[in-house]
Amino acid sequence: MIQPMRTIDPEISYFDRSGNPIDYEAWSVLIECPEYRIVAEDELEDGSLLTTLWLGLNHTIFVGERIIFETRHLPSNIQQRYSTEEEALEGHAKLREEFRD
């Protein structure tokens, strides 16, 4: 089924890790705090790095759920993005297992 297009209020672009709207000032403080920004991080057996971060800035353009988390594998630069911290942690664990196989 095709989802109806939703517009996103440009005034609400920043979100905390729970998905609550925050203003730019709050976001700018939180994004500088590694304990808040880094959701999960693993150095894999091959020496590569798998990191899941809270971005806090909505990366969705006009359609669907807000995307405020990202998992990235370096050096391959494979990335996946998520709407919730729970999804991000599940995605991180899944990618970690895929890279270990």
Foldseek 3Di string as FASTA:
>chain_A
DDDDWAADDPQFFFAAQARHGDHPVVLVVQCPDCVRFWLDWDQAPVRKIKTKTFQRGFPDHRHDATWGMKIAIPPVRDMDTDRHSVVRVVVSVVVNVVVND
